């Protein structure tokens, strides 16, 4: 029944997500993440799936659309999806910034336990840049006890800001030539 606040250490605030096969790997170039940091960035929101919330066509202000089951499954970190009533709505467009509201309920399986989720989120889409630039993702979870985890109630809010950064020398095209095709990090 106690609230706890978790933050990333300043030198771990840059987090890279890499999709491999059917899962994502989260890591920080600043060094290893502590377990509680990994839980914070890796277990409540798959930010690579956020683009799936976008409508894929022109929509008018106040128009709504269903968020695809595969997107909800990824966003909620489910291994299997049992229920999905998540919808998105274009709330406003001001100064080349679109605000998209996401809300609804979903249920699924994670680590062998049933999880019921309620989502109340907003995305800021930069129209000129053609990308999501900000996210406030609030998710309330009711998790039943499972073989690998206890029953728990979670009310998590993830605030995320996205901005382009300079490509580091280690990730520049000439450096990537040495990475073998099909390389899977350990």
C-alpha atoms as a PDB file:
ATOM      1  CA  UNK A   1       0.000   0.000   0.000  1.00  0.00           C
ATOM      2  CA  UNK A   2       2.995   2.351  -0.076  1.00  0.00           C
ATOM      3  CA  UNK A   3       3.838   4.507  -3.052  1.00  0.00           C
ATOM      4  CA  UNK A   4       7.380   4.323  -4.339  1.00  0.00           C
ATOM      5  CA  UNK A   5       9.068   6.522  -6.893  1.00  0.00           C
ATOM      6  CA  UNK A   6      11.727   5.146  -9.189  1.00  0.00           C
ATOM      7  CA  UNK A   7      14.014   7.211 -11.355  1.00  0.00           C
ATOM      8  CA  UNK A   8      16.861   6.424 -13.695  1.00  0.00           C
ATOM      9  CA  UNK A   9      20.306   7.571 -12.602  1.00  0.00           C
ATOM     10  CA  UNK A  10      21.424  10.615 -14.613  1.00  0.00           C
ATOM     11  CA  UNK A  11      24.097   8.665 -16.500  1.00  0.00           C
ATOM     12  CA  UNK A  12      21.549   5.940 -17.417  1.00  0.00           C
ATOM     13  CA  UNK A  13      18.808   8.170 -18.844  1.00  0.00           C
ATOM     14  CA  UNK A  14      19.759   7.315 -22.415  1.00  0.00           C
ATOM     15  CA  UNK A  15      18.200   3.893 -22.935  1.00  0.00           C
ATOM     16  CA  UNK A  16      18.427   1.938 -26.160  1.00  0.00           C
ATOM     17  CA  UNK A  17      15.768  -0.562 -27.128  1.00  0.00           C
ATOM     18  CA  UNK A  18      16.649  -3.153 -29.696  1.00  0.00           C
ATOM     19  CA  UNK A  19      14.105  -5.564 -31.093  1.00  0.00           C
ATOM     20  CA  UNK A  20      15.442  -9.084 -31.516  1.00  0.00           C
ATOM     21  CA  UNK A  21      13.206 -11.778 -32.909  1.00  0.00           C
ATOM     22  CA  UNK A  22       9.981 -11.408 -30.902  1.00  0.00           C
ATOM     23  CA  UNK A  23      11.355  -9.528 -27.903  1.00  0.00           C
ATOM     24  CA  UNK A  24      13.064  -6.297 -26.989  1.00  0.00           C
ATOM     25  CA  UNK A  25      16.349  -5.736 -25.198  1.00  0.00           C
ATOM     26  CA  UNK A  26      16.802  -2.579 -23.094  1.00  0.00           C
ATOM     27  CA  UNK A  27      20.238  -1.274 -22.226  1.00  0.00           C
ATOM     28  CA  UNK A  28      22.078   1.941 -21.466  1.00  0.00           C
ATOM     29  CA  UNK A  29      25.356   2.940 -23.112  1.00  0.00           C
ATOM     30  CA  UNK A  30      26.192   4.582 -19.750  1.00  0.00           C
ATOM     31  CA  UNK A  31      26.497   1.189 -18.071  1.00  0.00           C
ATOM     32  CA  UNK A  32      24.501  -1.642 -16.627  1.00  0.00           C
ATOM     33  CA  UNK A  33      20.974  -0.950 -15.427  1.00  0.00           C
ATOM     34  CA  UNK A  34      20.004  -1.986 -11.916  1.00  0.00           C
ATOM     35  CA  UNK A  35      17.084  -4.404 -11.649  1.00  0.00           C
ATOM     36  CA  UNK A  36      14.687  -1.632 -10.572  1.00  0.00           C
ATOM     37  CA  UNK A  37      15.836   0.533 -13.520  1.00  0.00           C
ATOM     38  CA  UNK A  38      15.304  -2.329 -15.947  1.00  0.00           C
ATOM     39  CA  UNK A  39      11.838  -2.884 -14.494  1.00  0.00           C
ATOM     40  CA  UNK A  40      11.127   0.822 -14.982  1.00  0.00           C
ATOM     41  CA  UNK A  41      12.117   0.974 -18.659  1.00  0.00           C
ATOM     42  CA  UNK A  42      11.449  -2.569 -19.764  1.00  0.00           C
ATOM     43  CA  UNK A  43       8.359  -3.930 -18.104  1.00  0.00           C
ATOM     44  CA  UNK A  44       5.619  -1.327 -18.434  1.00  0.00           C
ATOM     45  CA  UNK A  45       5.816   0.067 -21.935  1.00  0.00           C
ATOM     46  CA  UNK A  46       7.419  -1.126 -25.156  1.00  0.00           C
ATOM     47  CA  UNK A  47       8.188   2.279 -26.665  1.00  0.00           C
ATOM     48  CA  UNK A  48       9.092   0.689 -30.001  1.00  0.00           C
ATOM     49  CA  UNK A  49       5.413  -0.235 -30.362  1.00  0.00           C
ATOM     50  CA  UNK A  50       4.154   3.348 -29.878  1.00  0.00           C
ATOM     51  CA  UNK A  51       4.150   4.032 -33.621  1.00  0.00           C
ATOM     52  CA  UNK A  52       1.490   1.332 -33.917  1.00  0.00           C
ATOM     53  CA  UNK A  53      -0.950   3.645 -32.110  1.00  0.00           C
ATOM     54  CA  UNK A  54      -0.864   6.088 -35.040  1.00  0.00           C
ATOM     55  CA  UNK A  55      -3.900   5.816 -37.329  1.00  0.00           C
ATOM     56  CA  UNK A  56      -2.004   5.135 -40.575  1.00  0.00           C
ATOM     57  CA  UNK A  57      -4.323   7.513 -42.451  1.00  0.00           C
ATOM     58  CA  UNK A  58      -5.536  11.102 -42.194  1.00  0.00           C
ATOM     59  CA  UNK A  59      -7.984  11.615 -39.370  1.00  0.00           C
ATOM     60  CA  UNK A  60      -9.985  14.588 -38.137  1.00  0.00           C
ATOM     61  CA  UNK A  61      -9.830  16.106 -34.680  1.00  0.00           C
ATOM     62  CA  UNK A  62     -11.979  14.049 -32.264  1.00  0.00           C
ATOM     63  CA  UNK A  63     -11.937  11.014 -34.575  1.00  0.00           C
ATOM     64  CA  UNK A  64     -11.244   7.686 -32.828  1.00  0.00           C
ATOM     65  CA  UNK A  65      -9.768   4.378 -33.970  1.00  0.00           C
ATOM     66  CA  UNK A  66      -9.076   0.969 -32.470  1.00  0.00           C
ATOM     67  CA  UNK A  67      -5.506   0.178 -31.455  1.00  0.00           C
ATOM     68  CA  UNK A  68      -4.531  -3.141 -33.052  1.00  0.00           C
ATOM     69  CA  UNK A  69      -4.337  -6.179 -30.741  1.00  0.00           C
ATOM     70  CA  UNK A  70      -0.686  -6.817 -31.646  1.00  0.00           C
ATOM     71  CA  UNK A  71       0.186  -3.233 -30.662  1.00  0.00           C
ATOM     72  CA  UNK A  72      -1.676  -3.479 -27.353  1.00  0.00           C
ATOM     73  CA  UNK A  73       0.054  -6.778 -26.625  1.00  0.00           C
ATOM     74  CA  UNK A  74       3.467  -5.192 -27.206  1.00  0.00           C
ATOM     75  CA  UNK A  75       2.668  -1.961 -25.326  1.00  0.00           C
ATOM     76  CA  UNK A  76       1.405  -3.877 -22.290  1.00  0.00           C
ATOM     77  CA  UNK A  77       4.281  -6.361 -22.369  1.00  0.00           C
ATOM     78  CA  UNK A  78       1.909  -9.331 -22.642  1.00  0.00           C
ATOM     79  CA  UNK A  79       2.978 -12.750 -23.823  1.00  0.00           C
ATOM     80  CA  UNK A  80      -0.632 -13.353 -24.857  1.00  0.00           C
ATOM     81  CA  UNK A  81      -3.615 -11.015 -25.239  1.00  0.00           C
ATOM     82  CA  UNK A  82      -7.056 -12.100 -23.999  1.00  0.00           C
ATOM     83  CA  UNK A  83      -9.050  -8.842 -24.145  1.00  0.00           C
ATOM     84  CA  UNK A  84      -8.601  -5.483 -25.877  1.00  0.00           C
ATOM     85  CA  UNK A  85     -10.800  -2.377 -25.827  1.00  0.00           C
ATOM     86  CA  UNK A  86      -7.995   0.193 -26.275  1.00  0.00           C
ATOM     87  CA  UNK A  87      -8.847   3.137 -28.514  1.00  0.00           C
ATOM     88  CA  UNK A  88      -6.970   6.217 -29.689  1.00  0.00           C
ATOM     89  CA  UNK A  89      -8.389   9.671 -30.420  1.00  0.00           C
ATOM     90  CA  UNK A  90      -6.908  12.715 -32.142  1.00  0.00           C
ATOM     91  CA  UNK A  91      -7.587  15.289 -29.412  1.00  0.00           C
ATOM     92  CA  UNK A  92      -6.041  18.394 -30.979  1.00  0.00           C
ATOM     93  CA  UNK A  93      -3.642  19.834 -33.511  1.00  0.00           C
ATOM     94  CA  UNK A  94      -1.852  23.029 -32.453  1.00  0.00           C
ATOM     95  CA  UNK A  95       1.254  24.529 -34.064  1.00  0.00           C
ATOM     96  CA  UNK A  96       2.253  21.356 -35.971  1.00  0.00           C
ATOM     97  CA  UNK A  97       1.841  19.221 -32.820  1.00  0.00           C
ATOM     98  CA  UNK A  98      -0.915  16.622 -32.681  1.00  0.00           C
ATOM     99  CA  UNK A  99      -2.109  15.283 -29.338  1.00  0.00           C
ATOM    100  CA  UNK A 100      -3.380  11.722 -29.404  1.00  0.00           C
ATOM    101  CA  UNK A 101      -5.201  10.305 -26.398  1.00  0.00           C
ATOM    102  CA  UNK A 102      -5.081   6.556 -25.764  1.00  0.00           C
ATOM    103  CA  UNK A 103      -7.428   4.850 -23.320  1.00  0.00           C
ATOM    104  CA  UNK A 104      -9.096   1.571 -22.593  1.00  0.00           C
ATOM    105  CA  UNK A 105      -8.661  -1.806 -20.989  1.00  0.00           C
ATOM    106  CA  UNK A 106      -6.734  -4.904 -21.893  1.00  0.00           C
ATOM    107  CA  UNK A 107      -6.088  -8.259 -20.303  1.00  0.00           C
ATOM    108  CA  UNK A 108      -3.405 -10.775 -21.008  1.00  0.00           C
ATOM    109  CA  UNK A 109      -0.774 -13.143 -19.707  1.00  0.00           C
ATOM    110  CA  UNK A 110       2.661 -12.117 -18.459  1.00  0.00           C
ATOM    111  CA  UNK A 111       5.106 -14.532 -16.834  1.00  0.00           C
ATOM    112  CA  UNK A 112       2.302 -17.083 -16.517  1.00  0.00           C
ATOM    113  CA  UNK A 113      -0.093 -14.785 -14.631  1.00  0.00           C
ATOM    114  CA  UNK A 114      -3.266 -12.984 -15.683  1.00  0.00           C
ATOM    115  CA  UNK A 115      -2.881  -9.201 -15.860  1.00  0.00           C
ATOM    116  CA  UNK A 116      -5.683  -6.653 -16.259  1.00  0.00           C
ATOM    117  CA  UNK A 117      -4.569  -3.236 -17.456  1.00  0.00           C
ATOM    118  CA  UNK A 118      -6.248   0.149 -17.667  1.00  0.00           C
ATOM    119  CA  UNK A 119      -4.515   2.686 -19.935  1.00  0.00           C
ATOM    120  CA  UNK A 120      -4.803   6.484 -19.843  1.00  0.00           C
ATOM    121  CA  UNK A 121      -2.121   8.007 -22.054  1.00  0.00           C
ATOM    122  CA  UNK A 122      -1.284  10.858 -24.378  1.00  0.00           C
ATOM    123  CA  UNK A 123       1.166  11.057 -27.254  1.00  0.00           C
ATOM    124  CA  UNK A 124       2.537  14.198 -28.866  1.00  0.00           C
ATOM    125  CA  UNK A 125       3.175  13.777 -32.579  1.00  0.00           C
ATOM    126  CA  UNK A 126       5.456  16.312 -34.284  1.00  0.00           C
ATOM    127  CA  UNK A 127       3.831  16.678 -37.710  1.00  0.00           C
ATOM    128  CA  UNK A 128       6.769  18.509 -39.310  1.00  0.00           C
ATOM    129  CA  UNK A 129       9.303  15.908 -38.116  1.00  0.00           C
ATOM    130  CA  UNK A 130       6.949  12.980 -38.742  1.00  0.00           C
ATOM    131  CA  UNK A 131       7.565  11.319 -35.377  1.00  0.00           C
ATOM    132  CA  UNK A 132       6.270  10.910 -31.842  1.00  0.00           C
ATOM    133  CA  UNK A 133       8.089  13.464 -29.700  1.00  0.00           C
ATOM    134  CA  UNK A 134       6.542  12.921 -26.286  1.00  0.00           C
ATOM    135  CA  UNK A 135       4.547  10.404 -24.297  1.00  0.00           C
ATOM    136  CA  UNK A 136       2.766  10.347 -20.960  1.00  0.00           C
ATOM    137  CA  UNK A 137       1.727   6.731 -20.418  1.00  0.00           C
ATOM    138  CA  UNK A 138      -0.272   5.879 -17.313  1.00  0.00           C
ATOM    139  CA  UNK A 139      -1.043   2.227 -16.782  1.00  0.00           C
ATOM    140  CA  UNK A 140      -2.839   0.594 -13.857  1.00  0.00           C
ATOM    141  CA  UNK A 141      -2.123  -3.130 -13.569  1.00  0.00           C
ATOM    142  CA  UNK A 142      -3.886  -5.754 -11.483  1.00  0.00           C
ATOM    143  CA  UNK A 143      -1.674  -8.837 -11.620  1.00  0.00           C
ATOM    144  CA  UNK A 144      -2.727 -12.191 -10.234  1.00  0.00           C
ATOM    145  CA  UNK A 145      -0.178 -14.435  -8.592  1.00  0.00           C
ATOM    146  CA  UNK A 146       1.712 -16.584 -11.055  1.00  0.00           C
ATOM    147  CA  UNK A 147       4.386 -19.250 -10.951  1.00  0.00           C
ATOM    148  CA  UNK A 148       7.160 -16.635 -11.062  1.00  0.00           C
ATOM    149  CA  UNK A 149       5.578 -13.550  -9.517  1.00  0.00           C
ATOM    150  CA  UNK A 150       3.318 -12.502  -6.625  1.00  0.00           C
ATOM    151  CA  UNK A 151      -0.035 -10.771  -6.992  1.00  0.00           C
ATOM    152  CA  UNK A 152       0.422  -7.015  -7.199  1.00  0.00           C
ATOM    153  CA  UNK A 153      -1.369  -3.766  -8.048  1.00  0.00           C
ATOM    154  CA  UNK A 154       0.683  -1.237  -9.970  1.00  0.00           C
ATOM    155  CA  UNK A 155      -0.120   2.342 -10.961  1.00  0.00           C
ATOM    156  CA  UNK A 156       2.779   3.406 -13.192  1.00  0.00           C
ATOM    157  CA  UNK A 157       3.284   6.600 -15.160  1.00  0.00           C
ATOM    158  CA  UNK A 158       6.023   6.778 -17.773  1.00  0.00           C
ATOM    159  CA  UNK A 159       6.934  10.218 -19.125  1.00  0.00           C
ATOM    160  CA  UNK A 160       9.118  10.059 -22.180  1.00  0.00           C
ATOM    161  CA  UNK A 161      10.626  12.692 -24.415  1.00  0.00           C
ATOM    162  CA  UNK A 162      12.073  11.794 -27.797  1.00  0.00           C
ATOM    163  CA  UNK A 163      14.507  13.963 -29.683  1.00  0.00           C
ATOM    164  CA  UNK A 164      17.091  13.265 -32.351  1.00  0.00           C
ATOM    165  CA  UNK A 165      20.658  12.847 -31.141  1.00  0.00           C
ATOM    166  CA  UNK A 166      23.910  12.821 -33.035  1.00  0.00           C
ATOM    167  CA  UNK A 167      24.976   9.401 -34.226  1.00  0.00           C
ATOM    168  CA  UNK A 168      27.857   8.186 -32.124  1.00  0.00           C
ATOM    169  CA  UNK A 169      31.021   7.023 -33.861  1.00  0.00           C
ATOM    170  CA  UNK A 170      30.338   3.502 -32.618  1.00  0.00           C
ATOM    171  CA  UNK A 171      26.996   3.405 -34.450  1.00  0.00           C
ATOM    172  CA  UNK A 172      28.038   5.213 -37.645  1.00  0.00           C
ATOM    173  CA  UNK A 173      27.768   3.293 -40.937  1.00  0.00           C
ATOM    174  CA  UNK A 174      31.531   2.583 -41.274  1.00  0.00           C
ATOM    175  CA  UNK A 175      31.588   1.032 -37.790  1.00  0.00           C
ATOM    176  CA  UNK A 176      28.588  -1.174 -38.474  1.00  0.00           C
ATOM    177  CA  UNK A 177      30.279  -2.810 -41.491  1.00  0.00           C
ATOM    178  CA  UNK A 178      32.233  -4.984 -39.065  1.00  0.00           C
ATOM    179  CA  UNK A 179      29.055  -6.376 -37.460  1.00  0.00           C
ATOM    180  CA  UNK A 180      28.343  -9.745 -39.045  1.00  0.00           C
ATOM    181  CA  UNK A 181      24.969 -10.244 -40.726  1.00  0.00           C
ATOM    182  CA  UNK A 182      22.588 -11.981 -38.357  1.00  0.00           C
ATOM    183  CA  UNK A 183      24.599 -10.979 -35.258  1.00  0.00           C
ATOM    184  CA  UNK A 184      22.681 -11.532 -32.018  1.00  0.00           C
ATOM    185  CA  UNK A 185      24.094  -9.773 -28.946  1.00  0.00           C
ATOM    186  CA  UNK A 186      24.593 -12.095 -25.953  1.00  0.00           C
END
